[in-house]
C-alpha cells in the first residue's frame, strides 16, 4: 500500500508516475502474463457478491419431494448440476470465458491446454478476440484450440464459441471457422457458436490490450494501435484493438446478420458492465441471441489500466439486478473461481457462470489436469451448497437463498 502524504495523497503512486511516465498507467510489467489482474477483492473485504451470505432455510419442501422421488434421504450427490448453456448441453452450469491473443510467458500453449481440458469436462468454451490477427489461424492459432477441444469433448456435450472483434472481422474469422472441415462435426451436432463482443468487464469502453515485444509489434502495426507507453527505448510496447461502435440499431442488426449469415451456428453476445446493460441484453435477446454474457467490473484480464479496474463499470451483482432474465439464457462472469460466488450468481438469475483468468492460472499450474481439478472443486462446493439449501436442480435457486448486509439501509435481501 502506498504511503500517504499529509493531505492524503498516495505518495508512492505519485512518485511512480513522475518517475515512469505513462508506463505507470498500467500494472507493473513483471507480473504480466501470470497475475490475475482485476481479481483482487475490493478494499473493505471484497465486493457485494463476496459479502452476501448463502442462507439455508429451516423448512425444505423440495428436499421432501426429492426424498419421495428417491425413497431415501437425499444427499449432495443427488443434486442435478446439468444446464443448457447458450444452446449447448453441459454437465455443469459452467463455461470457460473468452481469453484471446495474450500469451503467458514460459508456460507453453495454455490456450490449447485449456481447450483440451474444457473438452474433457464437456463444458462450453469461448475463444476470445484477436487470436487470428496475432497468431494466425492454423498451427498455434485459433484452429489448434478448436481441434484440441473437439478431439476431447464427449458426444452430445459442450460447444465451442468463437468471439470476433473488429480486427477479427477484417480477418474474416467467422467465415474461416464456419467453412473449415475441423469444425464440421461441431457444426453438424449444433455445438458451434459465434459471439459478438460488445465489451468486457475489466475495460468497459476499451478494446483488447496486450503487451508485445517491439519486433512483434511491428508486424501488426497496420491492424492495431501500437503505443510507446513504456518509453521509446523500452523493449515492449502497448498494443490496443478498437472497442467497436454500437447503438441500439447496430446491435440489433449485428445479431440479425449473424443469424442470417451463419444459420447453423448459435449466436452469443458479450456485454460489458455498462449502466444500460439491461437494455442491451433485452435488445440482443429480442434480435434472436441464444445467450447474453455480462462481464462484471470484477472480471480478470490479461492487461488493463488500474484506473479501469478500480473505478470503471458496474459490479457484477448490480449488473445482474438490472437485467430482466425472463426465460432467456444469461451468462455471468467476473472473478468466479469457487462455488460460493458461482452459486450467488446463479441465485441472482444467471444460467451459468464463466471461468476466465482462473482457467488460465489452473492450466499454468498443471497443463494436463489443473483446470479439471479446479472445476471439480467448484462442482463439489456447488453440490454442498445446493444440498444445504434443500435444492436439487440449478433452476430452483433464487433470491431467497441470499442475504445481503444492509449497511445502514432497510434492504436485507433482493
Protein backbone atom coordinates (compact mmCIF):
# COMPACT_ATOMS: atom_id res chain seq x y z
CA UNK A 1 0.00 0.00 0.00
CA UNK A 2 1.29 3.43 -0.89
CA UNK A 3 2.35 5.76 1.89
CA UNK A 4 0.02 8.76 2.26
CA UNK A 5 1.25 12.31 2.38
CA UNK A 6 -0.09 14.76 4.94
CA UNK A 7 -3.00 15.70 2.67
CA UNK A 8 -3.97 12.08 1.97
CA UNK A 9 -2.38 11.71 -1.47
CA UNK A 10 -0.78 8.31 -2.32
CA UNK A 11 2.83 9.42 -2.33
CA UNK A 12 4.34 6.24 -3.82
CA UNK A 13 1.93 6.23 -6.74
CA UNK A 14 2.57 9.88 -7.48
CA UNK A 15 6.31 9.32 -7.38
CA UNK A 16 6.00 6.33 -9.71
CA UNK A 17 4.08 8.43 -12.22
CA UNK A 18 6.70 11.14 -12.01
CA UNK A 19 9.47 8.57 -12.45
CA UNK A 20 7.99 6.17 -15.05
CA UNK A 21 5.59 8.38 -17.01
CA UNK A 22 2.80 6.71 -19.00
CA UNK A 23 4.08 3.22 -18.12
CA UNK A 24 2.65 3.77 -14.63
CA UNK A 25 -0.88 3.96 -16.07
CA UNK A 26 -0.69 0.16 -16.40
CA UNK A 27 0.15 -2.67 -13.99
CA UNK A 28 3.81 -3.48 -13.39
CA UNK A 29 5.28 -5.47 -16.26
CA UNK A 30 6.99 -8.00 -14.00
CA UNK A 31 3.65 -9.69 -13.26
CA UNK A 32 2.24 -9.61 -16.75
CA UNK A 33 1.03 -12.93 -18.12
CA UNK A 34 0.70 -14.66 -14.75
CA UNK A 35 -1.08 -12.38 -12.32
CA UNK A 36 -4.90 -12.48 -12.23
CA UNK A 37 -5.39 -8.78 -12.92
CA UNK A 38 -8.68 -7.44 -11.66
CA UNK A 39 -9.38 -10.42 -9.41
CA UNK A 40 -8.38 -8.90 -6.08
CA UNK A 41 -11.24 -8.21 -3.66
CA UNK A 42 -12.14 -4.58 -3.33
CA UNK A 43 -10.91 -2.64 -0.32
CA UNK A 44 -13.00 -3.32 2.76
CA UNK A 45 -13.49 -7.07 2.41
CA UNK A 46 -14.49 -7.85 -1.16
CA UNK A 47 -17.29 -6.79 -3.46
CA UNK A 48 -21.01 -7.14 -2.83
CA UNK A 49 -21.17 -10.73 -4.06
CA UNK A 50 -18.37 -11.68 -1.68
CA UNK A 51 -20.16 -10.06 1.25
CA UNK A 52 -23.52 -11.72 0.54
CA UNK A 53 -24.22 -14.88 2.51
CA UNK A 54 -25.94 -18.09 1.44
CA UNK A 55 -28.79 -18.78 3.90
CA UNK A 56 -30.23 -22.32 4.13
CA UNK A 57 -33.84 -22.43 5.40
CA UNK A 58 -35.19 -24.46 8.27
CA UNK A 59 -38.05 -25.86 6.18
CA UNK A 60 -37.03 -27.62 2.95
CA UNK A 61 -40.09 -28.78 0.94
CA UNK A 62 -38.02 -29.55 -2.17
CA UNK A 63 -35.92 -31.95 -0.09
CA UNK A 64 -39.11 -33.72 0.89
CA UNK A 65 -40.06 -34.04 -2.79
CA UNK A 66 -36.61 -35.45 -3.54
CA UNK A 67 -36.96 -37.89 -0.64
CA UNK A 68 -40.22 -39.23 -2.12
CA UNK A 69 -38.56 -39.50 -5.55
CA UNK A 70 -35.52 -41.39 -4.25
CA UNK A 71 -37.14 -43.38 -1.48
CA UNK A 72 -34.42 -42.20 0.93
CA UNK A 73 -32.94 -39.05 2.42
CA UNK A 74 -31.27 -37.07 -0.38
CA UNK A 75 -27.55 -36.21 -0.20
CA UNK A 76 -25.36 -33.70 -2.01
CA UNK A 77 -24.54 -36.30 -4.66
CA UNK A 78 -28.21 -36.21 -5.70
CA UNK A 79 -28.03 -32.59 -6.89
CA UNK A 80 -28.63 -32.34 -10.65
CA UNK A 81 -25.93 -30.00 -11.97
CA UNK A 82 -26.77 -30.20 -15.69
CA UNK A 83 -27.52 -27.00 -17.56
CA UNK A 84 -28.41 -25.71 -21.02
CA UNK A 85 -25.75 -23.09 -21.72
CA UNK A 86 -26.47 -20.93 -24.74
CA UNK A 87 -27.94 -23.80 -26.73
CA UNK A 88 -25.36 -26.36 -25.57
CA UNK A 89 -25.81 -29.24 -23.13
CA UNK A 90 -23.38 -29.03 -20.23
CA UNK A 91 -22.87 -31.30 -17.20
CA UNK A 92 -22.35 -28.17 -15.08
CA UNK A 93 -23.70 -24.59 -15.08
CA UNK A 94 -20.23 -23.52 -16.17
CA UNK A 95 -18.28 -22.41 -19.23
CA UNK A 96 -14.77 -21.21 -19.98
CA UNK A 97 -14.78 -17.46 -20.69
CA UNK A 98 -13.12 -15.83 -23.63
CA UNK A 99 -9.39 -15.39 -23.50
CA UNK A 100 -7.77 -14.37 -26.71
CA UNK A 101 -4.36 -13.48 -28.02
CA UNK A 102 -2.47 -12.87 -24.76
CA UNK A 103 0.46 -15.26 -24.34
CA UNK A 104 1.70 -16.37 -20.93
CA UNK A 105 5.47 -16.22 -20.92
CA UNK A 106 7.26 -19.53 -20.46
CA UNK A 107 4.06 -21.51 -19.94
CA UNK A 108 3.69 -23.25 -23.29
CA UNK A 109 0.42 -23.19 -25.19
CA UNK A 110 -2.12 -22.59 -22.43
CA UNK A 111 -4.86 -21.93 -24.97
CA UNK A 112 -4.56 -25.48 -26.24
CA UNK A 113 -4.22 -26.92 -22.72
CA UNK A 114 -7.39 -25.18 -21.53
CA UNK A 115 -9.23 -26.24 -24.69
CA UNK A 116 -8.37 -29.91 -24.22
CA UNK A 117 -9.38 -29.93 -20.55
CA UNK A 118 -12.61 -28.00 -21.16
CA UNK A 119 -13.41 -30.54 -23.85
CA UNK A 120 -12.85 -33.45 -21.48
CA UNK A 121 -15.09 -31.79 -18.92
CA UNK A 122 -17.81 -31.33 -21.55
CA UNK A 123 -18.34 -27.66 -20.67
CA UNK A 124 -18.68 -24.95 -23.37
CA UNK A 125 -15.59 -22.88 -24.18
CA UNK A 126 -15.26 -19.40 -25.65
CA UNK A 127 -12.21 -18.48 -27.74
CA UNK A 128 -11.55 -14.76 -27.40
CA UNK A 129 -10.65 -11.99 -29.77
CA UNK A 130 -7.57 -11.27 -31.88
CA UNK A 131 -6.14 -14.80 -31.94
CA UNK A 132 -6.04 -14.90 -35.75
CA UNK A 133 -4.59 -11.40 -36.31
CA UNK A 134 -1.89 -12.07 -33.70
CA UNK A 135 -1.07 -15.78 -34.07
CA UNK A 136 -2.66 -16.95 -37.28
CA UNK A 137 -5.46 -19.36 -37.98
CA UNK A 138 -3.69 -22.71 -38.19
CA UNK A 139 -0.67 -24.19 -36.40
CA UNK A 140 -0.54 -22.47 -32.99
CA UNK A 141 -3.52 -20.27 -33.84
CA UNK A 142 -7.26 -20.48 -33.37
CA UNK A 143 -7.76 -23.77 -35.18
CA UNK A 144 -5.41 -25.60 -32.81
CA UNK A 145 -7.71 -24.73 -29.89
CA UNK A 146 -10.81 -25.92 -31.74
CA UNK A 147 -9.07 -29.14 -32.76
CA UNK A 148 -7.93 -29.86 -29.17
CA UNK A 149 -11.42 -29.27 -27.80
CA UNK A 150 -13.22 -31.27 -30.49
CA UNK A 151 -10.92 -34.26 -30.02
CA UNK A 152 -11.62 -34.43 -26.28
CA UNK A 153 -15.29 -33.47 -25.82
CA UNK A 154 -17.80 -36.29 -25.21
CA UNK A 155 -20.60 -36.76 -27.75
CA UNK A 156 -23.59 -34.54 -27.11
CA UNK A 157 -21.92 -32.24 -24.60
CA UNK A 158 -20.29 -28.83 -24.71
CA UNK A 159 -19.61 -26.49 -27.60
CA UNK A 160 -17.09 -24.03 -28.97
CA UNK A 161 -17.86 -20.31 -29.13
CA UNK A 162 -15.67 -18.10 -31.34
CA UNK A 163 -15.58 -14.42 -30.45
CA UNK A 164 -14.99 -11.74 -33.06
CA UNK A 165 -13.66 -8.20 -32.70
CA UNK A 166 -13.37 -5.52 -35.36
CA UNK A 167 -9.90 -6.77 -36.27
CA UNK A 168 -11.16 -10.36 -36.38
CA UNK A 169 -13.92 -9.28 -38.76
CA UNK A 170 -11.28 -7.85 -41.08
CA UNK A 171 -9.58 -11.27 -40.98
CA UNK A 172 -12.96 -12.98 -41.71
CA UNK A 173 -12.56 -15.25 -38.69
CA UNK A 174 -16.16 -16.47 -38.60
CA UNK A 175 -16.08 -17.28 -42.31
CA UNK A 176 -12.89 -19.30 -41.83
CA UNK A 177 -14.32 -21.34 -38.95
CA UNK A 178 -17.76 -21.85 -40.47
CA UNK A 179 -16.31 -23.43 -43.61
CA UNK A 180 -13.46 -25.40 -42.01
CA UNK A 181 -13.68 -29.23 -42.01
CA UNK A 182 -12.21 -29.30 -38.48
CA UNK A 183 -15.34 -27.54 -37.21
CA UNK A 184 -17.75 -29.60 -39.31
CA UNK A 185 -18.58 -32.14 -36.60
CA UNK A 186 -19.25 -29.40 -34.08
CA UNK A 187 -21.42 -27.59 -36.59
CA UNK A 188 -23.32 -30.73 -37.58
CA UNK A 189 -24.11 -31.52 -33.95
CA UNK A 190 -25.17 -27.97 -33.04
CA UNK A 191 -22.09 -27.29 -30.94
CA UNK A 192 -20.61 -24.23 -32.63
CA UNK A 193 -21.45 -20.62 -31.77
CA UNK A 194 -20.18 -17.18 -32.66
CA UNK A 195 -20.01 -14.42 -30.06
CA UNK A 196 -20.27 -10.73 -30.80
CA UNK A 197 -18.06 -8.87 -28.34
CA UNK A 198 -19.61 -5.57 -27.31
CA UNK A 199 -17.28 -5.15 -24.33
CA UNK A 200 -15.53 -6.76 -21.36
CA UNK A 201 -15.65 -6.23 -17.63
CA UNK A 202 -12.12 -5.09 -16.89
CA UNK A 203 -12.02 -2.45 -19.62
CA UNK A 204 -15.55 -1.17 -20.33
CA UNK A 205 -15.47 1.00 -23.43
CA UNK A 206 -11.96 -0.06 -24.45
CA UNK A 207 -10.78 -2.72 -26.86
CA UNK A 208 -8.40 -5.56 -26.09
CA UNK A 209 -4.94 -4.62 -24.81
CA UNK A 210 -1.76 -6.57 -24.52
CA UNK A 211 1.98 -6.03 -24.30
CA UNK A 212 4.23 -7.09 -27.17
CA UNK A 213 7.95 -7.19 -27.87
CA UNK A 214 8.82 -4.29 -30.11
CA UNK A 215 9.78 -6.55 -33.03
CA UNK A 216 6.48 -8.46 -32.89
CA UNK A 217 4.51 -5.24 -32.69
CA UNK A 218 5.97 -4.02 -35.96
CA UNK A 219 4.25 -6.84 -37.84
CA UNK A 220 0.75 -5.89 -36.58
CA UNK A 221 1.09 -2.10 -36.51
CA UNK A 222 -1.16 -1.83 -39.56
CA UNK A 223 -4.03 -3.62 -37.79
CA UNK A 224 -3.78 -2.31 -34.22
CA UNK A 225 -2.83 0.82 -32.34
CA UNK A 226 0.78 0.41 -31.18
CA UNK A 227 1.86 2.84 -28.46
CA UNK A 228 5.24 3.55 -26.83
CA UNK A 229 3.51 3.80 -23.46
CA UNK A 230 6.52 2.28 -21.67
CA UNK A 231 9.04 4.66 -23.21
CA UNK A 232 10.64 4.98 -26.63
CA UNK A 233 13.60 2.83 -25.58
CA UNK A 234 11.60 0.09 -23.85
CA UNK A 235 11.72 -3.43 -25.32
CA UNK A 236 7.92 -3.71 -25.16
CA UNK A 237 5.02 -1.68 -26.49
CA UNK A 238 1.29 -1.47 -25.81
CA UNK A 239 -1.00 -2.99 -28.45
CA UNK A 240 -4.67 -1.95 -28.44
CA UNK A 241 -7.60 -3.01 -30.58
CA UNK A 242 -10.67 -0.91 -31.31
CA UNK A 243 -13.64 -1.07 -28.92
CA UNK A 244 -16.25 -1.21 -31.67
CA UNK A 245 -19.15 1.22 -32.11
CA UNK A 246 -22.65 0.24 -31.06
CA UNK A 247 -26.08 1.81 -30.97
CA UNK A 248 -29.37 0.01 -30.36
CA UNK A 249 -29.88 -0.42 -34.09
CA UNK A 250 -26.30 -1.52 -34.77
CA UNK A 251 -26.54 -4.23 -32.09
CA UNK A 252 -29.90 -5.37 -33.40
CA UNK A 253 -28.64 -5.56 -36.98
CA UNK A 254 -25.40 -7.29 -35.99
CA UNK A 255 -27.34 -10.09 -34.31
CA UNK A 256 -29.66 -10.37 -37.33
CA UNK A 257 -26.65 -10.60 -39.66
CA UNK A 258 -25.06 -13.31 -37.53
CA UNK A 259 -28.23 -15.38 -37.61
CA UNK A 260 -28.71 -14.89 -41.34
CA UNK A 261 -25.08 -15.43 -42.41
CA UNK A 262 -24.36 -18.36 -40.07
CA UNK A 263 -27.73 -20.07 -39.61
CA UNK A 264 -26.26 -23.33 -38.28
CA UNK A 265 -24.24 -21.65 -35.53
CA UNK A 266 -25.54 -20.37 -32.21
CA UNK A 267 -25.45 -16.62 -31.58
CA UNK A 268 -23.92 -15.22 -28.38
CA UNK A 269 -23.41 -11.59 -27.30
CA UNK A 270 -20.96 -10.40 -24.64
CA UNK A 271 -21.70 -7.14 -22.79
CA UNK A 272 -19.52 -5.02 -20.56
CA UNK A 273 -20.87 -3.72 -17.21
CA UNK A 274 -22.40 -0.54 -18.59
CA UNK A 275 -25.18 1.45 -16.99
CA UNK A 276 -27.58 0.39 -19.80
CA UNK A 277 -26.64 -3.31 -19.64
CA UNK A 278 -30.25 -4.35 -19.03
CA UNK A 279 -31.46 -2.54 -22.14
CA UNK A 280 -28.63 -4.02 -24.21
CA UNK A 281 -29.48 -7.55 -23.05
CA UNK A 282 -33.14 -7.07 -23.95
CA UNK A 283 -32.20 -5.89 -27.47
CA UNK A 284 -29.85 -8.81 -28.01
CA UNK A 285 -32.41 -11.39 -26.90
CA UNK A 286 -35.19 -9.78 -28.92
CA UNK A 287 -32.98 -9.88 -32.00
CA UNK A 288 -32.51 -13.62 -31.53
CA UNK A 289 -29.34 -14.12 -29.46
CA UNK A 290 -29.12 -17.58 -27.91
CA UNK A 291 -27.14 -16.25 -24.95
CA UNK A 292 -26.03 -12.96 -23.44
CA UNK A 293 -22.92 -12.85 -21.27
CA UNK A 294 -22.48 -9.99 -18.81
CA UNK A 295 -18.93 -9.46 -17.60
CA UNK A 296 -18.84 -7.61 -14.28
CA UNK A 297 -16.28 -4.99 -13.37
CA UNK A 298 -14.54 -7.57 -11.15
CA UNK A 299 -13.59 -9.59 -14.25
CA UNK A 300 -9.93 -10.50 -14.61
CA UNK A 301 -7.94 -9.61 -17.68
CA UNK A 302 -4.55 -10.01 -19.21
CA UNK A 303 -3.97 -6.26 -19.20
CA UNK A 304 -5.91 -3.17 -18.13
CA UNK A 305 -5.18 0.23 -16.60
CA UNK A 306 -5.71 0.12 -12.81
CA UNK A 307 -7.94 3.20 -13.08
CA UNK A 308 -10.37 0.98 -15.03
CA UNK A 309 -10.02 -1.99 -12.71
CA UNK A 310 -10.70 0.17 -9.67
CA UNK A 311 -13.13 2.82 -10.87
CA UNK A 312 -14.97 1.91 -14.09
CA UNK A 313 -18.01 -0.29 -14.66
CA UNK A 314 -20.80 -1.76 -12.54
CA UNK A 315 -20.14 -4.61 -10.11
CA UNK A 316 -21.43 -7.97 -11.33
CA UNK A 317 -24.17 -8.08 -8.66
CA UNK A 318 -25.59 -4.78 -9.87
CA UNK A 319 -25.44 -5.90 -13.50
CA UNK A 320 -27.49 -8.97 -12.63
CA UNK A 321 -30.07 -6.83 -10.82
CA UNK A 322 -30.52 -4.59 -13.86
CA UNK A 323 -31.27 -7.44 -16.26
CA UNK A 324 -34.78 -8.90 -16.53
CA UNK A 325 -33.92 -12.53 -17.18
CA UNK A 326 -37.31 -13.85 -18.44
CA UNK A 327 -36.64 -17.37 -19.77
CA UNK A 328 -33.55 -16.31 -21.70
CA UNK A 329 -30.01 -17.58 -21.24
CA UNK A 330 -27.96 -15.16 -19.14
CA UNK A 331 -24.31 -15.98 -18.50
CA UNK A 332 -22.24 -14.22 -15.84
CA UNK A 333 -18.51 -13.76 -15.39
CA UNK A 334 -16.35 -11.72 -13.06
CA UNK A 335 -13.84 -13.16 -10.59
CA UNK A 336 -15.61 -16.53 -10.44
CA UNK A 337 -13.32 -19.31 -9.28
CA UNK A 338 -15.13 -21.14 -6.46
CA UNK A 339 -18.57 -22.48 -5.65
CA UNK A 340 -19.84 -19.76 -3.32
CA UNK A 341 -19.54 -16.94 -5.79
CA UNK A 342 -20.86 -19.18 -8.56
CA UNK A 343 -23.97 -20.07 -6.54
CA UNK A 344 -24.67 -16.42 -5.74
CA UNK A 345 -24.65 -15.56 -9.45
CA UNK A 346 -26.96 -18.49 -10.22
CA UNK A 347 -29.32 -17.44 -7.42
CA UNK A 348 -29.44 -13.95 -8.96
CA UNK A 349 -30.66 -15.32 -12.26
CA UNK A 350 -27.59 -16.42 -14.20
CA UNK A 351 -27.99 -19.64 -16.19
CA UNK A 352 -24.28 -20.43 -15.90
CA UNK A 353 -21.05 -18.78 -14.80
CA UNK A 354 -17.73 -18.43 -16.56
CA UNK A 355 -14.16 -19.18 -15.57
CA UNK A 356 -11.81 -16.72 -17.23
CA UNK A 357 -8.35 -15.93 -15.97
CA UNK A 358 -8.82 -18.58 -13.27
CA UNK A 359 -8.89 -21.22 -16.02
CA UNK A 360 -5.57 -19.94 -17.36
CA UNK A 361 -3.97 -19.98 -13.92
CA UNK A 362 -5.20 -23.52 -13.35
CA UNK A 363 -3.70 -24.68 -16.64
CA UNK A 364 -0.49 -22.81 -15.86
CA UNK A 365 -0.24 -24.78 -12.61
CA UNK A 366 -0.82 -28.09 -14.39
CA UNK A 367 -1.29 -28.10 -18.16
CA UNK A 368 -2.72 -31.63 -18.13
CA UNK A 369 -5.13 -31.61 -15.15
CA UNK A 370 -5.17 -28.17 -13.48
CA UNK A 371 -8.45 -26.94 -14.96
CA UNK A 372 -10.13 -30.30 -14.39
CA UNK A 373 -9.18 -30.20 -10.71
CA UNK A 374 -10.30 -26.58 -10.33
CA UNK A 375 -13.69 -27.39 -11.85
CA UNK A 376 -14.13 -30.48 -9.66
CA UNK A 377 -13.53 -28.34 -6.56
CA UNK A 378 -16.10 -25.79 -7.73
CA UNK A 379 -18.57 -28.58 -8.56
CA UNK A 380 -18.27 -30.14 -5.10
CA UNK A 381 -18.77 -26.76 -3.41
CA UNK A 382 -21.86 -26.11 -5.54
CA UNK A 383 -23.31 -29.51 -4.69
CA UNK A 384 -22.71 -29.00 -0.96
CA UNK A 385 -24.23 -25.51 -1.00
CA UNK A 386 -27.29 -26.52 -3.01
CA UNK A 387 -27.89 -29.55 -0.83
CA UNK A 388 -27.68 -27.32 2.26
CA UNK A 389 -30.35 -25.09 0.71
CA UNK A 390 -32.57 -28.10 0.12
CA UNK A 391 -32.49 -27.60 -3.64
CA UNK A 392 -31.52 -30.26 -6.15
CA UNK A 393 -31.59 -28.53 -9.55
CA UNK A 394 -29.91 -25.30 -10.63
CA UNK A 395 -33.15 -23.57 -11.80
CA UNK A 396 -34.55 -23.94 -8.25
CA UNK A 397 -32.04 -21.40 -6.90
CA UNK A 398 -33.45 -17.95 -6.25
CA UNK A 399 -33.15 -14.61 -4.49
CA UNK A 400 -34.48 -16.10 -1.26
CA UNK A 401 -31.25 -18.10 -0.91
CA UNK A 402 -29.11 -14.99 -0.33
CA UNK A 403 -28.84 -12.44 2.46
CA UNK A 404 -27.26 -9.06 1.85
CA UNK A 405 -25.72 -6.88 4.59
CA UNK A 406 -27.92 -3.84 4.92
CA UNK A 407 -25.10 -1.33 5.57
CA UNK A 408 -27.49 1.11 7.19
CA UNK A 409 -30.44 0.56 4.83
CA UNK A 410 -33.61 -1.46 5.25
CA UNK A 411 -32.69 -3.86 2.43
CA UNK A 412 -31.53 -7.23 3.66
CA UNK A 413 -32.28 -9.28 0.58
CA UNK A 414 -33.02 -8.88 -3.10
